[in-house]
């Protein structure tokens, strides 16, 4: 089963960072609209992101979502670990009876390879910040998509 928590959380945090740069307000409803995601999924992802200080959310009619610290101090590794929590990149099969050399040793071997891959992935994510990711996304923009203020205006028309 595919896990969409990290890519969705990354898009959320990048959207909040972009809104802050433009002086716009972010809410869970605006994020859900912009990402075409279920609002409850967005709110569920906000829990660990808020707990880990990646975002800060204020409640009420004028509530909004902001970055919890400067964008250049939040790594993609921070976001990944926040929303995936203790779920591993790959899970090994449960221990099975040792009936041959493969069944007796494949589990520990797979765990070591999976751990190595996980550490390599985390190292790559640690090299990128929200600020650098947002810069890359903006530089690569060939989408022709509406700028954030227009997206927010469209959201307000539909709600």
C-alpha atoms as a PDB file:
ATOM      1  CA  UNK A   1       0.000   0.000   0.000  1.00  0.00           C
ATOM      2  CA  UNK A   2       1.349   3.423  -0.934  1.00  0.00           C
ATOM      3  CA  UNK A   3       1.877   5.903   1.873  1.00  0.00           C
ATOM      4  CA  UNK A   4       1.012   9.489   0.933  1.00  0.00           C
ATOM      5  CA  UNK A   5       1.742  11.079   4.306  1.00  0.00           C
ATOM      6  CA  UNK A   6       5.208  12.412   3.473  1.00  0.00           C
ATOM      7  CA  UNK A   7       4.532  13.855   0.001  1.00  0.00           C
ATOM      8  CA  UNK A   8       1.290  15.438   1.232  1.00  0.00           C
ATOM      9  CA  UNK A   9       2.951  16.870   4.348  1.00  0.00           C
ATOM     10  CA  UNK A  10       5.793  18.218   2.214  1.00  0.00           C
ATOM     11  CA  UNK A  11       3.299  19.939  -0.098  1.00  0.00           C
ATOM     12  CA  UNK A  12       1.473  21.320   2.926  1.00  0.00           C
ATOM     13  CA  UNK A  13       4.619  22.784   4.476  1.00  0.00           C
ATOM     14  CA  UNK A  14       5.785  24.207   1.138  1.00  0.00           C
ATOM     15  CA  UNK A  15       2.357  25.786   0.631  1.00  0.00           C
ATOM     16  CA  UNK A  16       2.484  27.360   4.096  1.00  0.00           C
ATOM     17  CA  UNK A  17       5.999  28.672   3.394  1.00  0.00           C
ATOM     18  CA  UNK A  18       4.876  30.120   0.055  1.00  0.00           C
ATOM     19  CA  UNK A  19       1.843  31.768   1.656  1.00  0.00           C
ATOM     20  CA  UNK A  20       4.078  33.332   4.299  1.00  0.00           C
ATOM     21  CA  UNK A  21       6.395  34.717   1.608  1.00  0.00           C
ATOM     22  CA  UNK A  22       3.393  36.260  -0.147  1.00  0.00           C
ATOM     23  CA  UNK A  23       1.781  37.558   3.044  1.00  0.00           C
ATOM     24  CA  UNK A  24      -1.215  35.273   2.564  1.00  0.00           C
ATOM     25  CA  UNK A  25      -3.120  33.286   5.188  1.00  0.00           C
ATOM     26  CA  UNK A  26      -3.046  29.472   5.300  1.00  0.00           C
ATOM     27  CA  UNK A  27      -5.782  27.310   6.778  1.00  0.00           C
ATOM     28  CA  UNK A  28      -6.397  23.578   6.705  1.00  0.00           C
ATOM     29  CA  UNK A  29      -9.364  24.172   4.397  1.00  0.00           C
ATOM     30  CA  UNK A  30      -7.252  26.185   1.937  1.00  0.00           C
ATOM     31  CA  UNK A  31      -4.507  23.537   2.040  1.00  0.00           C
ATOM     32  CA  UNK A  32      -7.034  20.749   1.429  1.00  0.00           C
ATOM     33  CA  UNK A  33      -8.526  22.675  -1.503  1.00  0.00           C
ATOM     34  CA  UNK A  34      -5.141  23.445  -3.043  1.00  0.00           C
ATOM     35  CA  UNK A  35      -3.882  19.878  -2.657  1.00  0.00           C
ATOM     36  CA  UNK A  36      -7.205  18.296  -3.612  1.00  0.00           C
ATOM     37  CA  UNK A  37      -6.949  16.288  -0.411  1.00  0.00           C
ATOM     38  CA  UNK A  38      -9.491  15.289   2.174  1.00  0.00           C
ATOM     39  CA  UNK A  39      -9.625  18.013   4.865  1.00  0.00           C
ATOM     40  CA  UNK A  40      -9.572  15.362   7.608  1.00  0.00           C
ATOM     41  CA  UNK A  41      -6.332  13.925   6.149  1.00  0.00           C
ATOM     42  CA  UNK A  42      -4.800  17.421   6.200  1.00  0.00           C
ATOM     43  CA  UNK A  43      -5.871  17.932   9.822  1.00  0.00           C
ATOM     44  CA  UNK A  44      -4.516  14.484  10.735  1.00  0.00           C
ATOM     45  CA  UNK A  45      -1.111  15.392   9.258  1.00  0.00           C
ATOM     46  CA  UNK A  46      -1.145  18.710  11.115  1.00  0.00           C
ATOM     47  CA  UNK A  47      -1.052  16.896  14.471  1.00  0.00           C
ATOM     48  CA  UNK A  48       2.509  15.515  14.239  1.00  0.00           C
ATOM     49  CA  UNK A  49       3.747  18.571  12.302  1.00  0.00           C
ATOM     50  CA  UNK A  50       2.466  20.810  15.106  1.00  0.00           C
ATOM     51  CA  UNK A  51       3.768  18.485  17.827  1.00  0.00           C
ATOM     52  CA  UNK A  52       7.248  18.622  16.281  1.00  0.00           C
ATOM     53  CA  UNK A  53       7.243  22.410  15.862  1.00  0.00           C
ATOM     54  CA  UNK A  54       7.261  22.331  12.071  1.00  0.00           C
ATOM     55  CA  UNK A  55       4.027  24.282  11.859  1.00  0.00           C
ATOM     56  CA  UNK A  56       2.042  26.359  14.324  1.00  0.00           C
ATOM     57  CA  UNK A  57      -1.709  26.575  14.089  1.00  0.00           C
ATOM     58  CA  UNK A  58      -3.986  29.162  15.667  1.00  0.00           C
ATOM     59  CA  UNK A  59      -7.658  28.409  16.131  1.00  0.00           C
ATOM     60  CA  UNK A  60     -10.741  30.492  15.579  1.00  0.00           C
ATOM     61  CA  UNK A  61     -12.353  32.478  12.812  1.00  0.00           C
ATOM     62  CA  UNK A  62      -9.106  34.262  12.003  1.00  0.00           C
ATOM     63  CA  UNK A  63      -6.926  31.242  12.720  1.00  0.00           C
ATOM     64  CA  UNK A  64      -4.127  30.289  10.414  1.00  0.00           C
ATOM     65  CA  UNK A  65      -1.145  28.011   9.929  1.00  0.00           C
ATOM     66  CA  UNK A  66       2.439  29.256   9.994  1.00  0.00           C
ATOM     67  CA  UNK A  67       5.860  27.663   9.940  1.00  0.00           C
ATOM     68  CA  UNK A  68       7.041  26.812  13.439  1.00  0.00           C
ATOM     69  CA  UNK A  69      10.579  27.955  12.685  1.00  0.00           C
ATOM     70  CA  UNK A  70      12.360  29.577   9.733  1.00  0.00           C
ATOM     71  CA  UNK A  71      12.114  27.643   6.470  1.00  0.00           C
ATOM     72  CA  UNK A  72      15.883  27.252   6.286  1.00  0.00           C
ATOM     73  CA  UNK A  73      15.819  25.447   9.641  1.00  0.00           C
ATOM     74  CA  UNK A  74      13.260  22.787   8.674  1.00  0.00           C
ATOM     75  CA  UNK A  75      14.654  19.844   6.712  1.00  0.00           C
ATOM     76  CA  UNK A  76      12.712  17.419   4.605  1.00  0.00           C
ATOM     77  CA  UNK A  77      14.021  14.764   7.019  1.00  0.00           C
ATOM     78  CA  UNK A  78      12.209  16.606   9.844  1.00  0.00           C
ATOM     79  CA  UNK A  79       8.936  16.473   7.915  1.00  0.00           C
ATOM     80  CA  UNK A  80       9.386  12.826   6.915  1.00  0.00           C
ATOM     81  CA  UNK A  81      10.156  11.648  10.455  1.00  0.00           C
ATOM     82  CA  UNK A  82       7.322  13.729  11.881  1.00  0.00           C
ATOM     83  CA  UNK A  83       4.551  12.276   9.747  1.00  0.00           C
ATOM     84  CA  UNK A  84       5.804   8.725   9.282  1.00  0.00           C
ATOM     85  CA  UNK A  85       6.736   8.446  12.959  1.00  0.00           C
ATOM     86  CA  UNK A  86       8.096   4.948  13.563  1.00  0.00           C
ATOM     87  CA  UNK A  87       6.921   3.380  10.307  1.00  0.00           C
ATOM     88  CA  UNK A  88       9.894   1.990   8.429  1.00  0.00           C
ATOM     89  CA  UNK A  89      10.550   2.517   4.736  1.00  0.00           C
ATOM     90  CA  UNK A  90      10.357  -1.244   4.231  1.00  0.00           C
ATOM     91  CA  UNK A  91       9.115  -3.823   6.689  1.00  0.00           C
ATOM     92  CA  UNK A  92      10.609  -7.272   6.810  1.00  0.00           C
ATOM     93  CA  UNK A  93       8.489 -10.366   6.910  1.00  0.00           C
ATOM     94  CA  UNK A  94       7.785 -11.737  10.338  1.00  0.00           C
ATOM     95  CA  UNK A  95      10.205 -14.381  11.487  1.00  0.00           C
ATOM     96  CA  UNK A  96       9.384 -17.651   9.811  1.00  0.00           C
ATOM     97  CA  UNK A  97      10.523 -21.119  10.799  1.00  0.00           C
ATOM     98  CA  UNK A  98      14.082 -21.929   9.762  1.00  0.00           C
ATOM     99  CA  UNK A  99      13.513 -24.711   7.261  1.00  0.00           C
ATOM    100  CA  UNK A 100      16.486 -23.997   5.000  1.00  0.00           C
ATOM    101  CA  UNK A 101      19.457 -21.664   4.782  1.00  0.00           C
ATOM    102  CA  UNK A 102      17.309 -18.976   3.105  1.00  0.00           C
ATOM    103  CA  UNK A 103      14.401 -19.033   5.553  1.00  0.00           C
ATOM    104  CA  UNK A 104      16.864 -19.164   8.456  1.00  0.00           C
ATOM    105  CA  UNK A 105      18.806 -16.066   7.362  1.00  0.00           C
ATOM    106  CA  UNK A 106      16.776 -13.936   4.932  1.00  0.00           C
ATOM    107  CA  UNK A 107      15.004 -11.956   7.657  1.00  0.00           C
ATOM    108  CA  UNK A 108      18.123 -10.554   9.346  1.00  0.00           C
ATOM    109  CA  UNK A 109      19.710  -9.919   5.935  1.00  0.00           C
ATOM    110  CA  UNK A 110      16.690  -7.991   4.671  1.00  0.00           C
ATOM    111  CA  UNK A 111      16.537  -5.968   7.892  1.00  0.00           C
ATOM    112  CA  UNK A 112      20.171  -4.911   7.472  1.00  0.00           C
ATOM    113  CA  UNK A 113      19.637  -3.880   3.827  1.00  0.00           C
ATOM    114  CA  UNK A 114      16.404  -2.051   4.684  1.00  0.00           C
ATOM    115  CA  UNK A 115      18.163  -0.204   7.521  1.00  0.00           C
ATOM    116  CA  UNK A 116      20.983   0.829   5.181  1.00  0.00           C
ATOM    117  CA  UNK A 117      18.470   2.132   2.613  1.00  0.00           C
ATOM    118  CA  UNK A 118      16.522   3.989   5.317  1.00  0.00           C
ATOM    119  CA  UNK A 119      19.669   5.713   6.593  1.00  0.00           C
ATOM    120  CA  UNK A 120      20.683   6.705   3.056  1.00  0.00           C
ATOM    121  CA  UNK A 121      17.201   8.151   2.413  1.00  0.00           C
ATOM    122  CA  UNK A 122      17.265  10.125   5.663  1.00  0.00           C
ATOM    123  CA  UNK A 123      20.721  11.496   4.815  1.00  0.00           C
ATOM    124  CA  UNK A 124      19.447  12.783   1.460  1.00  0.00           C
ATOM    125  CA  UNK A 125      16.358  14.361   3.040  1.00  0.00           C
ATOM    126  CA  UNK A 126      18.535  16.031   5.703  1.00  0.00           C
ATOM    127  CA  UNK A 127      20.433  17.885   2.958  1.00  0.00           C
ATOM    128  CA  UNK A 128      17.325  19.763   1.815  1.00  0.00           C
ATOM    129  CA  UNK A 129      15.433  22.462   3.699  1.00  0.00           C
ATOM    130  CA  UNK A 130      11.959  23.841   3.149  1.00  0.00           C
ATOM    131  CA  UNK A 131      13.599  27.072   1.951  1.00  0.00           C
ATOM    132  CA  UNK A 132      15.775  25.294  -0.631  1.00  0.00           C
ATOM    133  CA  UNK A 133      12.894  23.061  -1.747  1.00  0.00           C
ATOM    134  CA  UNK A 134      10.604  26.061  -2.216  1.00  0.00           C
ATOM    135  CA  UNK A 135      13.301  27.850  -4.219  1.00  0.00           C
ATOM    136  CA  UNK A 136      13.668  24.792  -6.471  1.00  0.00           C
ATOM    137  CA  UNK A 137       9.904  24.452  -6.928  1.00  0.00           C
ATOM    138  CA  UNK A 138       9.573  28.119  -7.875  1.00  0.00           C
ATOM    139  CA  UNK A 139      12.552  27.971 -10.282  1.00  0.00           C
ATOM    140  CA  UNK A 140      11.175  24.899 -12.028  1.00  0.00           C
ATOM    141  CA  UNK A 141       7.651  26.290 -12.393  1.00  0.00           C
ATOM    142  CA  UNK A 142       6.393  25.709 -15.908  1.00  0.00           C
ATOM    143  CA  UNK A 143       2.924  24.733 -14.758  1.00  0.00           C
ATOM    144  CA  UNK A 144       0.979  27.792 -15.714  1.00  0.00           C
ATOM    145  CA  UNK A 145      -0.937  27.236 -12.466  1.00  0.00           C
ATOM    146  CA  UNK A 146      -2.670  30.060 -10.711  1.00  0.00           C
ATOM    147  CA  UNK A 147      -0.496  31.911  -8.219  1.00  0.00           C
ATOM    148  CA  UNK A 148      -1.386  31.332  -4.575  1.00  0.00           C
ATOM    149  CA  UNK A 149      -3.500  34.504  -4.135  1.00  0.00           C
ATOM    150  CA  UNK A 150      -5.734  33.431  -7.043  1.00  0.00           C
ATOM    151  CA  UNK A 151      -5.996  29.904  -5.624  1.00  0.00           C
ATOM    152  CA  UNK A 152      -7.121  31.354  -2.291  1.00  0.00           C
ATOM    153  CA  UNK A 153      -9.655  33.567  -4.095  1.00  0.00           C
ATOM    154  CA  UNK A 154     -11.002  30.518  -5.955  1.00  0.00           C
ATOM    155  CA  UNK A 155     -11.316  28.648  -2.650  1.00  0.00           C
ATOM    156  CA  UNK A 156     -13.266  31.520  -1.114  1.00  0.00           C
ATOM    157  CA  UNK A 157     -15.692  31.500  -4.061  1.00  0.00           C
ATOM    158  CA  UNK A 158     -16.403  27.784  -3.620  1.00  0.00           C
ATOM    159  CA  UNK A 159     -16.944  27.852   0.144  1.00  0.00           C
END
